[in-house]
N, C-alpha and C. Protein backbone atom coordinates (compact mmCIF):
# COMPACT_ATOMS: atom_id res chain seq x y z
N MET A 1 16.58 10.05 -6.36
CA MET A 1 15.94 11.42 -5.81
C MET A 1 15.16 11.60 -5.34
N VAL A 2 13.79 11.62 -6.23
CA VAL A 2 12.85 11.86 -5.54
C VAL A 2 12.23 10.95 -4.31
N LEU A 3 12.92 9.38 -4.35
CA LEU A 3 12.16 8.40 -3.59
C LEU A 3 13.23 9.07 -1.97
N ALA A 4 14.32 9.36 -2.65
CA ALA A 4 15.09 9.94 -1.35
C ALA A 4 14.36 10.98 -0.64
N ALA A 5 14.00 12.14 -1.41
CA ALA A 5 13.02 13.32 -0.53
C ALA A 5 11.83 12.49 0.16
N VAL A 6 10.97 11.89 -0.55
CA VAL A 6 9.95 10.95 0.05
C VAL A 6 10.24 10.85 1.09
N VAL A 7 11.56 9.68 1.77
CA VAL A 7 11.93 8.89 2.77
C VAL A 7 12.08 9.82 3.53
N THR A 8 13.07 10.88 3.40
CA THR A 8 13.58 12.04 4.13
C THR A 8 12.31 12.36 4.77
N LEU A 9 11.41 12.96 4.07
CA LEU A 9 10.18 13.40 4.80
C LEU A 9 9.27 12.89 5.65
N LEU A 10 9.01 11.78 5.19
CA LEU A 10 8.64 10.42 6.26
C LEU A 10 9.14 10.44 7.11
N ALA A 11 10.55 10.49 7.38
CA ALA A 11 11.40 10.04 8.79
C ALA A 11 11.01 11.19 9.60
N ALA A 12 11.51 12.14 9.01
CA ALA A 12 11.58 13.66 9.71
C ALA A 12 10.01 14.01 10.10
N GLY A 13 8.79 13.63 9.84
CA GLY A 13 7.52 13.85 10.19
C GLY A 13 6.40 12.83 10.26
N GLY A 14 6.56 11.53 10.34
CA GLY A 14 5.72 10.74 10.25
C GLY A 14 5.26 10.62 9.04
N PRO A 15 4.22 9.90 9.18
CA PRO A 15 3.23 9.62 7.66
C PRO A 15 2.72 10.63 7.40
N GLY A 16 2.99 11.83 8.08
CA GLY A 16 2.11 13.24 7.14
C GLY A 16 2.96 14.17 7.16
N GLY A 17 4.24 13.94 7.59
CA GLY A 17 5.53 14.76 7.57
C GLY A 17 5.52 15.82 5.95
N TRP A 18 5.33 15.16 4.94
CA TRP A 18 5.49 15.51 3.63
C TRP A 18 4.47 16.90 3.62
N LEU A 19 3.07 16.47 4.38
CA LEU A 19 2.15 17.43 4.39
C LEU A 19 3.10 19.22 4.82
N ASP A 20 4.20 18.80 5.52
CA ASP A 20 4.51 20.23 6.13
C ASP A 20 5.87 20.74 5.59
N ALA A 21 5.97 20.35 4.62
CA ALA A 21 6.97 20.71 3.33
C ALA A 21 6.38 22.30 2.87
N LYS A 22 7.55 22.89 2.45
CA LYS A 22 6.54 24.81 2.04
C LYS A 22 6.09 24.70 0.23
N ALA A 23 6.45 23.49 -0.25
CA ALA A 23 6.27 23.13 -1.60
C ALA A 23 6.47 21.07 -1.72
N PRO A 24 5.21 21.18 -2.04
CA PRO A 24 5.20 19.39 -2.31
C PRO A 24 6.11 19.04 -2.84
N ALA A 25 6.96 18.00 -2.58
CA ALA A 25 7.95 16.86 -3.63
C ALA A 25 6.65 16.12 -4.10
N ASN A 26 7.32 15.47 -5.47
CA ASN A 26 6.43 14.90 -6.18
C ASN A 26 7.39 13.12 -6.22
N TRP A 27 6.45 12.24 -5.40
CA TRP A 27 7.09 10.84 -5.51
C TRP A 27 6.32 10.10 -6.70
N ASN A 28 5.69 10.67 -7.60
CA ASN A 28 4.93 9.89 -8.48
C ASN A 28 6.14 10.32 -9.91
N VAL A 29 6.53 9.04 -10.42
CA VAL A 29 7.28 8.91 -11.51
C VAL A 29 6.46 8.19 -12.84
N PRO A 30 6.43 8.86 -13.71
CA PRO A 30 5.80 8.60 -15.52
C PRO A 30 6.59 7.36 -15.27
N GLY A 31 5.24 6.22 -15.84
CA GLY A 31 5.55 4.76 -16.63
C GLY A 31 5.99 4.24 -15.02
N ALA A 32 5.57 4.45 -13.97
CA ALA A 32 6.32 3.78 -12.99
C ALA A 32 5.05 2.40 -12.80
N ALA A 33 5.38 1.50 -12.15
CA ALA A 33 4.00 0.56 -11.94
C ALA A 33 3.08 0.60 -11.09
N LEU A 34 1.89 0.20 -10.82
CA LEU A 34 1.17 -0.22 -9.79
C LEU A 34 1.33 -0.21 -8.73
N PRO A 35 1.70 -0.03 -7.62
CA PRO A 35 2.30 -0.58 -6.29
C PRO A 35 1.35 -1.94 -5.79
N ALA A 36 2.23 -2.65 -5.59
CA ALA A 36 1.31 -3.88 -4.74
C ALA A 36 0.77 -3.72 -3.41
N ARG A 37 0.16 -4.49 -3.15
CA ARG A 37 -0.53 -4.25 -1.33
C ARG A 37 0.12 -4.06 -0.67
N PRO A 38 0.58 -3.72 0.49
CA PRO A 38 1.85 -4.19 1.11
C PRO A 38 1.58 -5.12 2.38
N GLY A 39 2.03 -6.29 2.74
CA GLY A 39 1.76 -6.82 3.77
C GLY A 39 1.09 -8.08 3.07
N PRO A 40 0.57 -9.03 4.01
CA PRO A 40 -0.28 -10.00 3.76
C PRO A 40 -1.56 -9.73 3.58
N ARG A 41 -2.46 -10.64 2.97
CA ARG A 41 -3.93 -10.39 2.88
C ARG A 41 -4.73 -10.15 4.06
N ASP A 42 -5.70 -9.29 4.10
CA ASP A 42 -6.37 -9.41 5.58
C ASP A 42 -7.73 -9.96 5.52
N ALA A 43 -7.68 -10.98 5.72
CA ALA A 43 -8.70 -11.95 5.84
C ALA A 43 -10.22 -11.35 6.27
N GLU A 44 -10.32 -10.45 7.01
CA GLU A 44 -11.01 -9.65 7.90
C GLU A 44 -11.79 -8.99 6.26
N LEU A 45 -11.16 -8.63 5.50
CA LEU A 45 -11.69 -8.17 4.05
C LEU A 45 -12.34 -8.96 3.30
N ALA A 46 -12.01 -10.08 3.01
CA ALA A 46 -12.24 -11.15 2.40
C ALA A 46 -13.80 -11.83 2.03
N PRO A 47 -14.34 -12.02 0.91
CA PRO A 47 -15.71 -12.56 1.29
C PRO A 47 -16.05 -13.26 2.40
N GLY A 48 -17.12 -13.10 3.27
CA GLY A 48 -17.23 -14.01 4.69
C GLY A 48 -16.63 -13.28 5.79
N GLY A 49 -15.55 -12.44 5.40
CA GLY A 49 -14.47 -11.58 6.65
C GLY A 49 -16.06 -10.56 7.29
N ARG A 50 -15.16 -10.30 8.39
CA ARG A 50 -15.92 -9.25 9.65
C ARG A 50 -15.87 -7.84 8.47
N CYS A 51 -15.15 -7.70 7.88
CA CYS A 51 -15.40 -6.04 6.89
C CYS A 51 -15.69 -6.31 5.72
N ALA A 52 -16.39 -7.70 5.13
CA ALA A 52 -16.35 -7.73 3.89
C ALA A 52 -17.36 -6.98 3.22
N THR A 53 -18.31 -6.17 3.85
CA THR A 53 -19.30 -5.28 3.46
C THR A 53 -18.79 -4.14 3.08
N ALA A 54 -17.24 -3.52 3.86
CA ALA A 54 -16.44 -2.40 3.13
C ALA A 54 -16.06 -2.25 2.32
N VAL A 55 -15.77 -3.48 1.60
CA VAL A 55 -15.50 -3.79 0.23
C VAL A 55 -16.35 -3.53 -0.94
N ARG A 56 -15.68 -2.65 -1.94
CA ARG A 56 -16.61 -2.50 -3.22
C ARG A 56 -16.26 -3.04 -4.14
N PRO A 57 -17.45 -3.70 -4.96
CA PRO A 57 -17.46 -5.04 -5.91
C PRO A 57 -16.44 -4.33 -7.28
N LEU A 58 -15.75 -4.92 -7.73
CA LEU A 58 -14.86 -4.59 -9.49
C LEU A 58 -16.47 -3.87 -10.08
N SER A 59 -15.68 -3.08 -10.90
CA SER A 59 -16.75 -2.49 -11.98
C SER A 59 -16.00 -2.03 -13.29
N THR A 60 -15.03 -1.63 -12.96
CA THR A 60 -14.15 -0.88 -13.70
C THR A 60 -12.57 -1.84 -14.58
N PRO A 61 -11.90 -1.41 -15.54
CA PRO A 61 -10.96 -2.11 -15.61
C PRO A 61 -10.05 -1.44 -14.48
N GLU A 62 -9.81 -0.31 -14.09
CA GLU A 62 -8.72 0.25 -13.01
C GLU A 62 -9.08 -0.11 -11.80
N ASP A 63 -10.32 -0.99 -11.46
CA ASP A 63 -10.50 -1.21 -10.44
C ASP A 63 -9.98 -3.08 -10.48
N ARG A 64 -10.22 -3.60 -11.65
CA ARG A 64 -9.50 -5.00 -11.81
C ARG A 64 -8.02 -4.73 -11.76
N ALA A 65 -7.60 -3.74 -12.38
CA ALA A 65 -5.82 -3.47 -12.18
C ALA A 65 -5.48 -3.24 -10.61
N VAL A 66 -6.13 -2.34 -10.18
CA VAL A 66 -5.65 -2.58 -8.52
C VAL A 66 -6.06 -3.72 -7.50
N ALA A 67 -7.48 -4.35 -7.98
CA ALA A 67 -7.62 -5.79 -7.44
C ALA A 67 -6.34 -6.81 -8.07
N GLY A 68 -5.99 -6.74 -8.75
CA GLY A 68 -4.95 -7.62 -9.53
C GLY A 68 -3.62 -7.44 -8.55
N ARG A 69 -3.20 -6.54 -7.89
CA ARG A 69 -1.88 -5.91 -7.15
C ARG A 69 -2.34 -6.69 -5.56
N GLY A 70 -3.27 -6.97 -5.21
CA GLY A 70 -3.70 -7.57 -4.50
C GLY A 70 -4.56 -6.38 -3.14
N TRP A 71 -5.30 -5.39 -3.54
CA TRP A 71 -5.90 -4.44 -3.39
C TRP A 71 -7.15 -4.81 -2.69
N SER A 72 -7.94 -4.19 -1.94
CA SER A 72 -9.52 -4.36 -1.41
C SER A 72 -9.99 -2.85 -2.25
N LEU A 73 -10.53 -2.70 -2.78
CA LEU A 73 -11.42 -1.57 -2.96
C LEU A 73 -12.40 -0.93 -2.18
N VAL A 74 -12.80 0.24 -1.72
CA VAL A 74 -13.31 0.82 -0.72
C VAL A 74 -13.65 2.44 -1.18
N GLY A 75 -14.59 2.81 -0.75
CA GLY A 75 -14.93 3.84 -1.56
C GLY A 75 -15.73 4.34 -2.53
N ALA A 76 -15.84 5.31 -3.16
CA ALA A 76 -16.30 5.43 -4.33
C ALA A 76 -15.41 5.78 -5.50
N TYR A 77 -15.89 5.22 -6.49
CA TYR A 77 -14.89 5.19 -7.93
C TYR A 77 -15.30 6.72 -8.43
N HIS A 78 -13.96 7.42 -8.54
CA HIS A 78 -14.49 8.73 -9.14
C HIS A 78 -13.82 8.89 -10.88
N ARG A 79 -14.53 9.52 -11.50
CA ARG A 79 -14.05 10.09 -13.14
C ARG A 79 -14.40 11.21 -13.70
N TYR A 80 -13.42 11.66 -14.31
CA TYR A 80 -13.81 12.94 -14.89
C TYR A 80 -13.33 12.75 -16.16
N GLY A 81 -13.78 12.80 -16.99
CA GLY A 81 -13.27 12.58 -18.55
C GLY A 81 -12.29 11.58 -18.43
N PRO A 82 -10.93 11.73 -18.95
CA PRO A 82 -9.73 10.52 -18.97
C PRO A 82 -9.66 9.90 -17.97
N THR A 83 -9.85 10.67 -16.80
CA THR A 83 -9.11 10.64 -15.21
C THR A 83 -9.85 10.02 -14.34
N SER A 84 -9.29 8.96 -13.99
CA SER A 84 -10.29 8.57 -12.56
C SER A 84 -9.14 7.77 -11.59
N ILE A 85 -10.20 7.97 -10.40
CA ILE A 85 -9.48 7.85 -8.87
C ILE A 85 -10.24 6.76 -8.53
N VAL A 86 -9.26 5.53 -7.90
CA VAL A 86 -9.77 4.22 -7.33
C VAL A 86 -9.06 4.32 -5.85
N MET A 87 -9.73 4.33 -5.05
CA MET A 87 -9.38 3.95 -3.26
C MET A 87 -9.34 2.84 -3.16
N ALA A 88 -8.36 2.30 -2.40
CA ALA A 88 -8.33 0.87 -1.83
C ALA A 88 -7.58 0.61 -0.85
N THR A 89 -7.78 -0.11 0.01
CA THR A 89 -6.72 -1.04 1.45
C THR A 89 -6.22 -1.89 1.15
N SER A 90 -5.33 -1.92 2.05
CA SER A 90 -4.41 -3.20 1.98
C SER A 90 -5.10 -4.09 3.52
N SER A 91 -5.58 -3.39 4.52
CA SER A 91 -6.54 -3.93 5.82
C SER A 91 -7.74 -3.47 6.29
N ALA A 92 -8.12 -3.33 7.48
CA ALA A 92 -8.91 -2.87 8.32
C ALA A 92 -8.71 -3.00 9.52
N ASP A 93 -8.89 -1.75 10.16
CA ASP A 93 -9.04 -1.71 11.92
C ASP A 93 -10.01 -2.42 12.26
N GLY A 94 -10.20 -2.68 13.68
CA GLY A 94 -11.08 -3.24 14.82
C GLY A 94 -12.37 -2.73 14.25
N MET A 95 -12.77 -1.26 13.89
CA MET A 95 -14.05 -0.75 13.39
C MET A 95 -14.44 -1.03 11.91
N CYS A 96 -13.53 -1.61 11.20
CA CYS A 96 -13.33 -1.59 9.52
C CYS A 96 -13.10 -0.86 9.23
N ARG A 97 -12.56 0.33 9.46
CA ARG A 97 -12.10 1.34 8.81
C ARG A 97 -11.25 1.17 8.14
N ALA A 98 -10.72 1.71 7.20
CA ALA A 98 -9.33 1.29 5.64
C ALA A 98 -8.26 1.60 6.61
N ASP A 99 -7.11 0.95 6.97
CA ASP A 99 -5.65 1.03 7.03
C ASP A 99 -5.04 0.66 6.18
N GLY A 100 -3.79 1.30 5.92
CA GLY A 100 -3.11 1.07 4.80
C GLY A 100 -3.17 1.13 3.49
N TYR A 101 -4.32 2.85 3.19
CA TYR A 101 -4.91 2.66 1.91
C TYR A 101 -4.45 3.43 1.05
N GLN A 102 -4.60 3.84 0.13
CA GLN A 102 -3.82 4.43 -1.01
C GLN A 102 -5.23 5.16 -1.95
N ALA A 103 -5.14 5.82 -2.63
CA ALA A 103 -5.71 6.68 -3.55
C ALA A 103 -4.74 6.66 -4.99
N PHE A 104 -5.30 5.43 -5.90
CA PHE A 104 -4.85 5.16 -7.17
C PHE A 104 -4.98 6.09 -8.71
N VAL A 105 -4.00 7.06 -9.24
CA VAL A 105 -5.06 8.01 -10.35
C VAL A 105 -4.76 7.22 -11.53
N PHE A 106 -5.76 7.22 -12.51
CA PHE A 106 -5.55 6.62 -13.92
C PHE A 106 -5.65 7.61 -14.91
N VAL A 107 -5.28 7.34 -15.91
CA VAL A 107 -5.52 8.42 -17.20
C VAL A 107 -5.48 6.96 -18.03
N ASN A 108 -6.99 7.45 -18.57
CA ASN A 108 -7.18 6.57 -19.98
C ASN A 108 -7.02 5.03 -19.53
N GLY A 109 -6.86 4.22 -18.03
CA GLY A 109 -6.49 3.01 -17.90
C GLY A 109 -5.57 3.17 -17.48
N THR A 110 -4.37 4.02 -17.57
CA THR A 110 -2.86 3.99 -17.47
C THR A 110 -2.72 4.30 -16.06
N PHE A 111 -1.70 3.90 -15.41
CA PHE A 111 -1.66 4.16 -13.91
C PHE A 111 -1.15 5.74 -13.95
N ALA A 112 -1.18 6.36 -13.35
CA ALA A 112 -0.70 7.92 -13.23
C ALA A 112 -0.06 8.24 -12.06
N GLY A 113 -0.15 7.67 -10.82
CA GLY A 113 0.40 8.15 -9.34
C GLY A 113 -0.59 7.99 -8.56
N THR A 114 0.16 8.34 -7.42
CA THR A 114 -0.59 7.72 -6.00
C THR A 114 -0.75 9.26 -5.27
N LEU A 115 -1.93 9.62 -4.68
CA LEU A 115 -2.14 10.95 -4.28
C LEU A 115 -1.32 11.04 -2.81
N SER A 116 -0.61 10.37 -2.19
CA SER A 116 0.02 9.73 -1.16
C SER A 116 1.61 9.63 -1.39
N PRO A 117 2.38 9.69 -0.59
CA PRO A 117 3.50 8.78 -0.83
C PRO A 117 3.82 7.49 -0.39
N GLY A 118 2.69 7.04 0.42
CA GLY A 118 2.62 5.87 1.36
C GLY A 118 1.11 5.50 1.55
N PRO A 119 1.09 3.87 2.00
CA PRO A 119 -0.01 3.97 2.28
C PRO A 119 -0.65 4.53 3.94
N MET A 120 -1.73 4.86 3.97
CA MET A 120 -1.82 5.73 4.71
C MET A 120 -3.21 4.68 6.20
N ASP A 121 -3.29 5.03 7.48
CA ASP A 121 -3.92 4.50 8.11
C ASP A 121 -4.88 5.61 8.60
N ALA A 122 -6.13 4.80 9.01
CA ALA A 122 -7.51 5.64 9.11
C ALA A 122 -7.12 6.56 10.51
N ARG A 123 -7.39 7.71 11.14
CA ARG A 123 -7.46 8.32 12.15
C ARG A 123 -5.74 8.23 12.39
N THR A 124 -5.16 8.55 11.47
CA THR A 124 -3.11 9.21 11.83
C THR A 124 -3.05 10.21 11.05
N ASP A 125 -2.02 11.04 11.29
CA ASP A 125 -1.52 12.31 10.72
C ASP A 125 -1.40 11.79 9.32
N GLY A 126 -1.62 12.57 8.25
CA GLY A 126 -1.28 12.65 6.78
C GLY A 126 -2.80 11.53 6.25
N SER A 127 -3.71 11.13 6.82
CA SER A 127 -4.57 10.45 5.93
C SER A 127 -5.89 10.96 5.04
N ILE A 128 -6.26 10.54 4.37
CA ILE A 128 -6.78 11.50 3.55
C ILE A 128 -8.25 11.34 4.38
N ALA A 129 -8.89 12.62 4.67
CA ALA A 129 -9.37 12.72 5.59
C ALA A 129 -11.10 11.99 5.18
N SER A 130 -11.58 11.23 5.76
CA SER A 130 -13.09 10.58 5.50
C SER A 130 -13.04 10.04 3.83
N LEU A 131 -11.52 9.19 3.77
CA LEU A 131 -11.35 9.24 1.87
C LEU A 131 -11.96 10.38 1.04
N SER A 132 -11.67 11.60 1.34
CA SER A 132 -12.09 12.75 0.91
C SER A 132 -11.28 13.28 -0.48
N VAL A 133 -11.82 13.05 -2.01
CA VAL A 133 -11.01 13.15 -2.76
C VAL A 133 -11.99 13.76 -3.95
N THR A 134 -11.60 15.22 -4.56
CA THR A 134 -12.39 15.28 -5.65
C THR A 134 -11.44 15.87 -6.83
N LEU A 135 -12.47 15.41 -8.00
CA LEU A 135 -11.88 15.66 -9.29
C LEU A 135 -12.52 17.02 -9.92
N GLU A 136 -11.70 18.12 -9.49
CA GLU A 136 -12.18 19.11 -10.40
C GLU A 136 -12.42 19.46 -11.95
N GLY A 137 -11.77 18.86 -12.42
CA GLY A 137 -11.85 18.61 -13.89
C GLY A 137 -10.99 16.68 -14.16
N ALA A 138 -10.52 16.84 -15.77
CA ALA A 138 -9.71 16.05 -15.83
C ALA A 138 -8.28 16.12 -15.55
N ASN A 139 -7.76 17.28 -15.42
CA ASN A 139 -6.42 17.87 -15.14
C ASN A 139 -5.97 17.99 -13.67
N ASP A 140 -7.63 18.37 -13.26
CA ASP A 140 -7.36 18.72 -11.25
C ASP A 140 -8.00 17.88 -10.62
N ILE A 141 -7.33 17.54 -9.07
CA ILE A 141 -7.43 17.30 -8.05
C ILE A 141 -7.36 17.64 -6.70
N GLU A 142 -7.99 17.74 -5.98
CA GLU A 142 -8.15 18.36 -4.43
C GLU A 142 -8.19 16.37 -3.42
N ALA A 143 -7.42 16.64 -2.67
CA ALA A 143 -7.63 15.91 -1.59
C ALA A 143 -7.24 16.54 0.03
N ASP A 144 -8.10 15.97 0.65
CA ASP A 144 -7.81 16.63 1.97
C ASP A 144 -6.94 15.79 2.87
N PHE A 145 -6.57 16.25 3.56
CA PHE A 145 -5.67 15.13 4.33
C PHE A 145 -5.63 15.83 6.06
N ALA A 146 -6.19 14.50 6.98
CA ALA A 146 -6.02 14.99 8.50
C ALA A 146 -5.12 15.30 8.84
N ARG A 147 -4.80 16.29 9.90
CA ARG A 147 -3.50 16.62 10.61
C ARG A 147 -3.85 16.27 12.13
N TYR A 148 -2.73 15.50 12.29
CA TYR A 148 -2.86 15.36 13.81
C TYR A 148 -1.63 15.67 14.47
N ASN A 149 -1.61 15.89 15.82
CA ASN A 149 -0.83 16.20 16.38
C ASN A 149 -1.09 15.19 17.74
N THR A 150 -0.22 15.42 18.88
CA THR A 150 0.28 14.62 19.64
C THR A 150 -1.00 14.73 21.00
N ILE A 151 -1.62 15.49 21.01
CA ILE A 151 -2.68 16.01 22.01
C ILE A 151 -3.81 15.70 21.38
N ASP A 152 -4.10 15.71 19.89
CA ASP A 152 -5.83 15.42 19.38
C ASP A 152 -6.34 14.35 19.56
N PRO A 153 -7.45 14.38 20.26
CA PRO A 153 -7.99 13.13 20.42
C PRO A 153 -8.41 12.49 19.07
N MET A 154 -8.20 10.67 18.56
CA MET A 154 -8.19 9.96 17.37
C MET A 154 -9.74 10.47 16.70
N CYS A 155 -10.63 11.09 17.35
CA CYS A 155 -12.03 11.19 16.38
C CYS A 155 -11.83 12.97 15.70
N CYS A 156 -11.01 13.47 16.54
CA CYS A 156 -10.64 15.00 15.80
C CYS A 156 -9.41 15.45 15.51
N PRO A 157 -9.20 15.41 14.29
CA PRO A 157 -7.54 16.61 14.08
C PRO A 157 -7.82 17.54 13.65
N HIS A 158 -7.05 18.43 14.84
CA HIS A 158 -6.70 19.76 15.03
C HIS A 158 -6.51 20.40 13.66
N ALA A 159 -6.27 20.03 12.38
CA ALA A 159 -6.39 20.92 11.18
C ALA A 159 -6.35 19.82 10.14
N THR A 160 -6.52 20.72 8.70
CA THR A 160 -6.93 19.69 7.92
C THR A 160 -5.66 20.16 6.45
N THR A 161 -5.34 19.62 5.17
CA THR A 161 -4.16 19.94 4.49
C THR A 161 -4.93 19.66 3.54
N THR A 162 -5.35 20.79 2.13
CA THR A 162 -5.74 20.72 1.69
C THR A 162 -4.57 20.21 0.44
N VAL A 163 -4.65 19.15 -0.68
CA VAL A 163 -3.43 19.46 -1.69
C VAL A 163 -3.71 19.41 -2.78
N PHE A 164 -3.63 20.11 -3.77
CA PHE A 164 -4.00 20.19 -5.09
C PHE A 164 -3.00 19.61 -6.06
N TYR A 165 -3.52 19.05 -6.78
CA TYR A 165 -2.71 17.74 -7.73
C TYR A 165 -3.18 18.26 -9.35
N HIS A 166 -1.88 17.92 -10.18
CA HIS A 166 -2.43 18.53 -11.50
C HIS A 166 -2.01 17.07 -12.23
N VAL A 167 -3.00 16.60 -13.33
CA VAL A 167 -2.91 15.51 -13.71
C VAL A 167 -2.72 15.91 -15.39
N THR A 168 -1.39 15.52 -15.68
CA THR A 168 -0.65 15.29 -17.22
C THR A 168 -1.31 14.51 -17.79
N THR A 169 -2.27 14.86 -18.72
CA THR A 169 -3.23 13.52 -19.30
C THR A 169 -2.04 12.89 -20.69
N THR A 170 -1.14 13.29 -21.14
CA THR A 170 -0.58 12.93 -22.17
C THR A 170 0.58 11.96 -21.74
N ALA A 171 0.94 10.97 -22.69
CA ALA A 171 1.50 9.98 -22.41
C ALA A 171 2.62 10.37 -22.20
N PRO A 172 3.70 9.66 -21.37
CA PRO A 172 2.69 9.24 -20.10
C PRO A 172 2.39 9.67 -19.10
N PRO A 173 0.97 9.67 -18.45
CA PRO A 173 0.30 10.26 -17.72
C PRO A 173 0.97 10.45 -16.40
N ARG A 174 0.78 11.55 -15.48
CA ARG A 174 1.31 11.47 -14.23
C ARG A 174 0.59 12.46 -13.72
N VAL A 175 0.29 12.22 -12.33
CA VAL A 175 0.03 12.81 -11.09
C VAL A 175 0.77 13.80 -10.34
N ALA A 176 0.75 15.02 -9.97
CA ALA A 176 2.10 15.61 -9.39
C ALA A 176 0.94 16.97 -8.03
N PRO A 177 1.87 16.82 -7.05
CA PRO A 177 1.10 17.76 -5.72
C PRO A 177 1.74 19.02 -6.70
N VAL A 178 1.28 20.01 -6.65
CA VAL A 178 1.43 21.30 -6.94
C VAL A 178 1.05 22.17 -5.80
N SER A 179 0.47 22.52 -5.23
CA SER A 179 0.34 23.42 -3.85
C SER A 179 -0.38 22.52 -2.50
N MET A 180 -0.20 23.80 -1.68
CA MET A 180 -1.33 22.82 -0.71
C MET A 180 -1.56 23.83 0.43
N MET A 181 -2.76 23.78 1.08
CA MET A 181 -3.01 25.01 1.97
C MET A 181 -3.78 23.97 3.20
N THR A 182 -3.04 24.93 4.14
CA THR A 182 -3.49 24.14 5.56
C THR A 182 -4.63 25.17 6.60
N ARG A 183 -5.73 24.36 7.07
CA ARG A 183 -6.90 25.27 7.69
C ARG A 183 -7.08 24.74 8.78
N ALA A 184 -6.97 25.52 10.49
CA ALA A 184 -7.38 24.97 11.43
C ALA A 184 -9.02 24.39 10.99
N ASN A 185 -9.01 23.01 12.18
CA ASN A 185 -10.62 22.40 12.31
C ASN A 185 -11.24 23.29 13.32
N PRO A 186 -12.58 23.69 13.06
CA PRO A 186 -13.25 23.99 14.72
C PRO A 186 -13.18 23.14 15.67
N ALA A 187 -13.11 23.75 16.74
CA ALA A 187 -13.07 23.19 17.95
C ALA A 187 -14.34 22.40 18.17
N ASN A 188 -13.94 20.96 18.70
CA ASN A 188 -15.15 20.28 19.30
C ASN A 188 -15.72 20.39 20.97
């Protein structure tokens, strides 16, 4: 049922369509498995590849879990108490920006869900803006998503939607979007 709602939202408005809902649906199921990297491994992210310097080295058990599912780590590792967030990508674009990326949430090393219903591409509607994620506490996360329309230049989305999440830290852990706020970006 939740999967059907997510598929409907994605089909209705593209990758960022889920951000247009009045109330956010939750795609995260308690106890779900950590998703595997979609598609083939991107040689550009491998050691010696053109974008290898964008890949963060493994340093935590959560990093190893995400990398073990085929993802390449990008961005900073975030932790607040038992809650941590690992950003990872499946590929890179021509400028070595993350494509097919996701934010994975863990509680005490157990996967609790993702911050988007599906992988995101840089400079597209519904992508986490500049990989912007904030842990406001062990139970609260904020993430800013770029909102593009058909006339926005790729550099400059017209708006940003901030999604507020709650993390249940008891077993099984789960991250859930609870509210959203969209604001216009300053004109360039």
